[in-house]
Amino acid sequence: MKNLRKISLKLKTRFEKNEEEQKESSIVQESDDKEKQKKIPRNPEYVAAVNVCLGALGTGTIMGWTNNIMVKLQSGYLHGMKLSEDQVSWSASFMAIGAMLVCIPTGILLDTIGRKPTVLLASIPFYIGWACIIFAKFPVMLYAGRFFCGFAGASFCVSAPLYTSEIAERDIRGRLGAFFQLFLTLGMLYAVFFGWAFPIILFNYACAIVPLVFAFLFLLQPESPAYNMRRQRPDKAASNLARLRHKDHDCTGELERLQARMAPHLVEEKFITAFKNRKAIRS
């Protein structure tokens, strides 16, 4: 009996040692994997974040447009159109009216047609707005231009941060998320400088170029992998994630975490769609 007890104790201690060694090796392997992932360049993520935040740069130009232009508008430098003080104030205020109306529709579009199409659609009011401002010969055209630009800018304020947060890895998500505010401020400085340095017509063209450059570059970016996963398109999510990561990056673990994170949304959507089905309602 004593011998059996000794043997069982030895086996138990060996088993415990093996378990500890396995735990230590797994911890070391995880830390090694993390170190390897940290060493892999994140250039595609930074490029995608900068591209989408060019929309914030365009939004900043709208916000900074009125800084140096008030006196010029009152003096008739825009196609000989002289505005009163009240009309100049209204031209500034119509941006906020357009911004107020678009926030909720943008949120709906983000969930229905996707992140990338919504961001690209937001650039269309930019073109309409700047065209109205550039060729404005009546105050109403200027008001319409400011309204459409505010419409586009607010849509970017909703969609661009969401896209950035979904494409970024966890350890650099905060860093890339700060790009939006940075580019928004740079856009204001851009407008202040060009409004001071250039005549009003050239200044308007300089501001209108920004959304054109943005749309051209953002067309090359993929859809958010999180949105693809939510729409039950795992293959598309995997290919888009691979485009947003370095070629040496292992996307397997990230895809598994993404799938686990999106699982509650899939259950919720199935629950809602069940109530839209007539057969389900009858049963």
Foldseek 3Di string as FASTA:
>chain_A
DVVVVVVVVVVVVVVVVVVVVVVVVVVVVVVVLVVVQVPFDQVLLLLLLLLLLLLLLLLLLLLQQLVLCQVVQCVQLQVNHHDDNVLSVLLNCLLVVLLVPQQVVLVVCCQPVHLLVSLLVLLVLLLQLLVLCLNPPDSVSSSSSSSSSSNSSNSSVRRSLVLSQQLDDPVCSVVSSCSNVVSNNVSSVLNVVCSVVDRPNVSSVVSSVSSVVSSVSSVPAATRLLSCLLVVNLVSSVVNSCSSGDVPDDCVVVSVVSNVVSVVSNVVVVVVVLVVDPVSVVD
